[in-house]
Amino acid sequence: MDYEEMKKGHYHLVIVREKLDFFNISEFKKIFLEEIIPVHQRVAIMLAGNNEEISSSVISMLIIAHKKLAALNGSLVLVNISETHRNLIAMAGLAAFFNVIDSENDLN
């Protein structure tokens, strides 16, 4: 799994360089939910490898992560997602559910 982690403002930023899809989402989901979230309450994720496509399995993982962080009084931010991703999130009725920012420089 090709991803990078770094501190950015008050957030733990995870940049996923590899395209997430049905074939590798289980591996990343395990890492994200079991290793990253229990340690960091404010998490930002950038799906750099998913330029124009985002599968339902990725959206499902993001919903689970959001709920898990909310239960811990934490937060999840989606960073620099494409217009296609924004439209899919809106069509799924999740625009108010996810906090989306344009740039990692906006994390504070």
N, C-alpha and C. Protein backbone atom coordinates (compact mmCIF):
# COMPACT_ATOMS: atom_id res chain seq x y z
N MET A 1 0.85 -1.17 0.00
CA MET A 1 0.00 0.00 0.00
C MET A 1 0.90 1.24 0.00
N ASP A 2 0.71 2.11 -0.96
CA ASP A 2 1.55 3.29 -1.11
C ASP A 2 0.84 4.51 -0.53
N TYR A 3 1.25 4.90 0.69
CA TYR A 3 0.68 6.07 1.34
C TYR A 3 1.75 6.71 2.21
N GLU A 4 1.49 7.95 2.59
CA GLU A 4 2.43 8.72 3.41
C GLU A 4 1.64 9.37 4.53
N GLU A 5 2.25 9.47 5.69
CA GLU A 5 1.61 10.13 6.83
C GLU A 5 2.49 11.29 7.29
N MET A 6 1.83 12.38 7.71
CA MET A 6 2.58 13.52 8.23
C MET A 6 1.67 14.38 9.10
N LYS A 7 2.28 15.16 9.95
CA LYS A 7 1.56 16.12 10.78
C LYS A 7 1.39 17.39 9.97
N LYS A 8 0.16 17.89 9.92
CA LYS A 8 -0.12 19.12 9.18
C LYS A 8 -1.11 19.92 10.02
N GLY A 9 -0.63 20.99 10.65
CA GLY A 9 -1.47 21.75 11.57
C GLY A 9 -1.85 20.87 12.75
N HIS A 10 -3.13 20.82 13.06
CA HIS A 10 -3.62 19.97 14.15
C HIS A 10 -4.06 18.60 13.64
N TYR A 11 -3.81 18.32 12.37
CA TYR A 11 -4.28 17.09 11.75
C TYR A 11 -3.14 16.12 11.45
N HIS A 12 -3.50 14.86 11.41
CA HIS A 12 -2.62 13.80 10.93
C HIS A 12 -3.06 13.56 9.49
N LEU A 13 -2.24 13.98 8.54
CA LEU A 13 -2.57 13.88 7.12
C LEU A 13 -2.09 12.54 6.57
N VAL A 14 -2.99 11.86 5.87
CA VAL A 14 -2.67 10.60 5.19
C VAL A 14 -2.87 10.84 3.70
N ILE A 15 -1.78 10.74 2.96
CA ILE A 15 -1.83 10.91 1.51
C ILE A 15 -1.74 9.52 0.88
N VAL A 16 -2.81 9.11 0.23
CA VAL A 16 -2.85 7.79 -0.41
C VAL A 16 -2.45 7.97 -1.86
N ARG A 17 -1.28 7.48 -2.20
CA ARG A 17 -0.72 7.68 -3.55
C ARG A 17 -1.22 6.63 -4.54
N GLU A 18 -1.64 5.53 -4.03
CA GLU A 18 -2.11 4.41 -4.84
C GLU A 18 -3.62 4.53 -5.03
N LYS A 19 -4.11 4.09 -6.16
CA LYS A 19 -5.55 4.10 -6.39
C LYS A 19 -6.22 3.10 -5.46
N LEU A 20 -7.19 3.55 -4.69
CA LEU A 20 -7.96 2.65 -3.83
C LEU A 20 -9.14 2.13 -4.63
N ASP A 21 -9.33 0.82 -4.57
CA ASP A 21 -10.46 0.20 -5.25
C ASP A 21 -10.85 -1.07 -4.51
N PHE A 22 -11.72 -1.83 -5.10
CA PHE A 22 -12.24 -3.05 -4.49
C PHE A 22 -11.11 -4.02 -4.10
N PHE A 23 -10.03 -4.03 -4.86
CA PHE A 23 -8.97 -5.02 -4.66
C PHE A 23 -8.03 -4.70 -3.50
N ASN A 24 -7.86 -3.44 -3.15
CA ASN A 24 -6.92 -3.11 -2.07
C ASN A 24 -7.54 -2.34 -0.91
N ILE A 25 -8.84 -2.05 -0.99
CA ILE A 25 -9.45 -1.25 0.07
C ILE A 25 -9.42 -1.97 1.41
N SER A 26 -9.51 -3.28 1.42
CA SER A 26 -9.48 -4.02 2.69
C SER A 26 -8.17 -3.80 3.43
N GLU A 27 -7.08 -3.82 2.70
CA GLU A 27 -5.76 -3.60 3.31
C GLU A 27 -5.67 -2.19 3.89
N PHE A 28 -6.08 -1.20 3.10
CA PHE A 28 -6.00 0.18 3.59
C PHE A 28 -6.99 0.43 4.73
N LYS A 29 -8.17 -0.13 4.61
CA LYS A 29 -9.19 0.02 5.67
C LYS A 29 -8.65 -0.49 7.00
N LYS A 30 -8.00 -1.63 6.97
CA LYS A 30 -7.42 -2.20 8.20
C LYS A 30 -6.37 -1.25 8.79
N ILE A 31 -5.49 -0.75 7.95
CA ILE A 31 -4.46 0.20 8.41
C ILE A 31 -5.11 1.45 8.97
N PHE A 32 -6.05 2.02 8.22
CA PHE A 32 -6.67 3.29 8.59
C PHE A 32 -7.48 3.17 9.87
N LEU A 33 -8.31 2.14 9.96
CA LEU A 33 -9.20 2.00 11.10
C LEU A 33 -8.53 1.43 12.35
N GLU A 34 -7.53 0.60 12.16
CA GLU A 34 -6.92 -0.08 13.30
C GLU A 34 -5.59 0.52 13.76
N GLU A 35 -4.91 1.23 12.88
CA GLU A 35 -3.60 1.77 13.24
C GLU A 35 -3.55 3.30 13.30
N ILE A 36 -4.26 3.95 12.41
CA ILE A 36 -4.19 5.42 12.35
C ILE A 36 -5.22 6.07 13.27
N ILE A 37 -6.48 5.70 13.13
CA ILE A 37 -7.54 6.35 13.90
C ILE A 37 -7.39 6.16 15.41
N PRO A 38 -7.02 4.99 15.91
CA PRO A 38 -6.89 4.88 17.37
C PRO A 38 -5.81 5.79 17.97
N VAL A 39 -4.88 6.26 17.16
CA VAL A 39 -3.78 7.08 17.64
C VAL A 39 -4.01 8.57 17.38
N HIS A 40 -4.76 8.89 16.34
CA HIS A 40 -4.94 10.29 15.93
C HIS A 40 -6.44 10.61 15.86
N GLN A 41 -6.87 11.63 16.58
CA GLN A 41 -8.30 11.98 16.59
C GLN A 41 -8.69 12.95 15.48
N ARG A 42 -7.75 13.69 14.97
CA ARG A 42 -8.03 14.61 13.87
C ARG A 42 -7.25 14.11 12.66
N VAL A 43 -7.98 13.55 11.70
CA VAL A 43 -7.34 12.91 10.56
C VAL A 43 -7.83 13.57 9.27
N ALA A 44 -6.89 13.83 8.38
CA ALA A 44 -7.20 14.33 7.03
C ALA A 44 -6.70 13.29 6.04
N ILE A 45 -7.47 13.07 5.00
CA ILE A 45 -7.06 12.09 4.00
C ILE A 45 -7.12 12.72 2.61
N MET A 46 -6.05 12.48 1.86
CA MET A 46 -5.96 12.94 0.48
C MET A 46 -5.86 11.70 -0.40
N LEU A 47 -6.82 11.53 -1.29
CA LEU A 47 -6.84 10.37 -2.18
C LEU A 47 -6.15 10.71 -3.49
N ALA A 48 -4.85 10.90 -3.43
CA ALA A 48 -4.07 11.35 -4.59
C ALA A 48 -4.10 10.33 -5.73
N GLY A 49 -4.22 9.06 -5.42
CA GLY A 49 -4.22 8.03 -6.46
C GLY A 49 -5.56 7.83 -7.13
N ASN A 50 -6.62 8.38 -6.57
CA ASN A 50 -7.96 8.25 -7.13
C ASN A 50 -8.35 9.55 -7.82
N ASN A 51 -7.77 9.80 -8.98
CA ASN A 51 -8.00 11.06 -9.67
C ASN A 51 -9.47 11.30 -10.00
N GLU A 52 -10.07 10.44 -10.75
CA GLU A 52 -11.45 10.67 -11.18
C GLU A 52 -12.40 9.57 -10.72
N GLU A 53 -11.88 8.45 -10.27
CA GLU A 53 -12.74 7.35 -9.85
C GLU A 53 -12.73 7.22 -8.34
N ILE A 54 -13.89 6.85 -7.82
CA ILE A 54 -13.97 6.50 -6.41
C ILE A 54 -15.06 5.44 -6.29
N SER A 55 -14.72 4.32 -5.71
CA SER A 55 -15.67 3.22 -5.64
C SER A 55 -16.54 3.33 -4.40
N SER A 56 -17.62 2.59 -4.42
CA SER A 56 -18.51 2.56 -3.27
C SER A 56 -17.81 1.99 -2.05
N SER A 57 -16.84 1.10 -2.25
CA SER A 57 -16.10 0.53 -1.12
C SER A 57 -15.23 1.60 -0.45
N VAL A 58 -14.71 2.54 -1.22
CA VAL A 58 -13.93 3.64 -0.65
C VAL A 58 -14.85 4.60 0.12
N ILE A 59 -15.99 4.93 -0.47
CA ILE A 59 -16.95 5.79 0.22
C ILE A 59 -17.41 5.13 1.52
N SER A 60 -17.66 3.85 1.48
CA SER A 60 -18.06 3.11 2.68
C SER A 60 -16.99 3.19 3.76
N MET A 61 -15.72 3.01 3.38
CA MET A 61 -14.63 3.10 4.34
C MET A 61 -14.55 4.49 4.94
N LEU A 62 -14.76 5.53 4.13
CA LEU A 62 -14.72 6.90 4.63
C LEU A 62 -15.87 7.17 5.61
N ILE A 63 -17.04 6.61 5.33
CA ILE A 63 -18.17 6.76 6.25
C ILE A 63 -17.88 6.09 7.58
N ILE A 64 -17.33 4.89 7.53
CA ILE A 64 -16.98 4.16 8.76
C ILE A 64 -15.93 4.94 9.54
N ALA A 65 -14.92 5.45 8.85
CA ALA A 65 -13.87 6.23 9.52
C ALA A 65 -14.44 7.49 10.16
N HIS A 66 -15.31 8.18 9.44
CA HIS A 66 -15.95 9.39 9.96
C HIS A 66 -16.72 9.07 11.24
N LYS A 67 -17.52 8.02 11.21
CA LYS A 67 -18.31 7.63 12.38
C LYS A 67 -17.43 7.23 13.56
N LYS A 68 -16.37 6.48 13.27
CA LYS A 68 -15.46 6.05 14.33
C LYS A 68 -14.78 7.25 14.97
N LEU A 69 -14.33 8.19 14.16
CA LEU A 69 -13.69 9.40 14.70
C LEU A 69 -14.68 10.26 15.47
N ALA A 70 -15.91 10.38 14.97
CA ALA A 70 -16.93 11.16 15.66
C ALA A 70 -17.22 10.57 17.04
N ALA A 71 -17.23 9.24 17.14
CA ALA A 71 -17.46 8.58 18.42
C ALA A 71 -16.33 8.87 19.41
N LEU A 72 -15.16 9.20 18.89
CA LEU A 72 -13.99 9.53 19.71
C LEU A 72 -13.84 11.04 19.88
N ASN A 73 -14.87 11.79 19.50
CA ASN A 73 -14.83 13.26 19.49
C ASN A 73 -13.73 13.79 18.58
N GLY A 74 -13.46 13.06 17.52
CA GLY A 74 -12.46 13.47 16.54
C GLY A 74 -13.12 13.95 15.27
N SER A 75 -12.33 14.10 14.23
CA SER A 75 -12.88 14.56 12.96
C SER A 75 -12.08 14.01 11.78
N LEU A 76 -12.78 13.89 10.67
CA LEU A 76 -12.18 13.45 9.42
C LEU A 76 -12.38 14.55 8.38
N VAL A 77 -11.32 14.88 7.67
CA VAL A 77 -11.38 15.89 6.62
C VAL A 77 -10.89 15.26 5.32
N LEU A 78 -11.61 15.49 4.24
CA LEU A 78 -11.16 15.06 2.92
C LEU A 78 -10.45 16.24 2.28
N VAL A 79 -9.26 15.99 1.76
CA VAL A 79 -8.42 17.07 1.24
C VAL A 79 -8.23 16.94 -0.26
N ASN A 80 -8.45 18.06 -0.96
CA ASN A 80 -8.10 18.17 -2.38
C ASN A 80 -8.74 17.06 -3.21
N ILE A 81 -10.03 16.83 -3.01
CA ILE A 81 -10.69 15.81 -3.82
C ILE A 81 -11.16 16.44 -5.13
N SER A 82 -11.26 15.61 -6.15
CA SER A 82 -11.61 16.11 -7.48
C SER A 82 -13.08 16.54 -7.52
N GLU A 83 -13.41 17.28 -8.55
CA GLU A 83 -14.79 17.71 -8.75
C GLU A 83 -15.69 16.49 -8.94
N THR A 84 -15.19 15.46 -9.59
CA THR A 84 -15.95 14.22 -9.76
C THR A 84 -16.27 13.61 -8.41
N HIS A 85 -15.27 13.56 -7.52
CA HIS A 85 -15.50 13.01 -6.18
C HIS A 85 -16.51 13.86 -5.41
N ARG A 86 -16.40 15.17 -5.51
CA ARG A 86 -17.36 16.06 -4.84
C ARG A 86 -18.78 15.79 -5.34
N ASN A 87 -18.93 15.62 -6.66
CA ASN A 87 -20.24 15.36 -7.23
C ASN A 87 -20.80 14.01 -6.77
N LEU A 88 -19.95 12.99 -6.71
CA LEU A 88 -20.40 11.68 -6.24
C LEU A 88 -20.84 11.74 -4.78
N ILE A 89 -20.08 12.44 -3.97
CA ILE A 89 -20.42 12.60 -2.56
C ILE A 89 -21.75 13.35 -2.42
N ALA A 90 -21.94 14.37 -3.25
CA ALA A 90 -23.20 15.13 -3.22
C ALA A 90 -24.37 14.27 -3.67
N MET A 91 -24.19 13.50 -4.75
CA MET A 91 -25.25 12.64 -5.26
C MET A 91 -25.63 11.56 -4.26
N ALA A 92 -24.66 11.12 -3.47
CA ALA A 92 -24.93 10.11 -2.45
C ALA A 92 -25.56 10.72 -1.20
N GLY A 93 -25.74 12.03 -1.20
CA GLY A 93 -26.35 12.70 -0.05
C GLY A 93 -25.40 12.87 1.11
N LEU A 94 -24.11 12.87 0.84
CA LEU A 94 -23.10 12.93 1.91
C LEU A 94 -22.35 14.25 1.97
N ALA A 95 -22.77 15.25 1.21
CA ALA A 95 -22.06 16.52 1.18
C ALA A 95 -22.02 17.18 2.55
N ALA A 96 -23.08 17.08 3.30
CA ALA A 96 -23.11 17.68 4.64
C ALA A 96 -22.41 16.79 5.67
N PHE A 97 -22.20 15.54 5.32
CA PHE A 97 -21.59 14.57 6.22
C PHE A 97 -20.08 14.74 6.29
N PHE A 98 -19.45 14.99 5.13
CA PHE A 98 -18.00 15.10 5.06
C PHE A 98 -17.55 16.55 5.06
N ASN A 99 -16.46 16.82 5.76
CA ASN A 99 -15.79 18.11 5.73
C ASN A 99 -14.75 18.02 4.62
N VAL A 100 -14.87 18.87 3.61
CA VAL A 100 -13.96 18.84 2.46
C VAL A 100 -13.24 20.18 2.38
N ILE A 101 -11.92 20.13 2.23
CA ILE A 101 -11.13 21.34 2.03
C ILE A 101 -10.32 21.21 0.75
N ASP A 102 -9.94 22.35 0.20
CA ASP A 102 -9.27 22.35 -1.10
C ASP A 102 -7.80 21.98 -1.05
N SER A 103 -7.12 22.33 0.04
CA SER A 103 -5.67 22.15 0.07
C SER A 103 -5.19 21.73 1.45
N GLU A 104 -4.13 20.98 1.48
CA GLU A 104 -3.53 20.59 2.76
C GLU A 104 -3.04 21.82 3.52
N ASN A 105 -2.80 22.91 2.81
CA ASN A 105 -2.38 24.16 3.47
C ASN A 105 -3.50 24.79 4.29
N ASP A 106 -4.74 24.35 4.05
CA ASP A 106 -5.88 24.86 4.81
C ASP A 106 -6.11 24.10 6.12
N LEU A 107 -5.32 23.07 6.37
CA LEU A 107 -5.44 22.32 7.62
C LEU A 107 -4.83 23.15 8.74
N ASN A 108 -5.57 23.30 9.82
CA ASN A 108 -5.02 24.02 10.98
C ASN A 108 -5.54 23.43 12.26
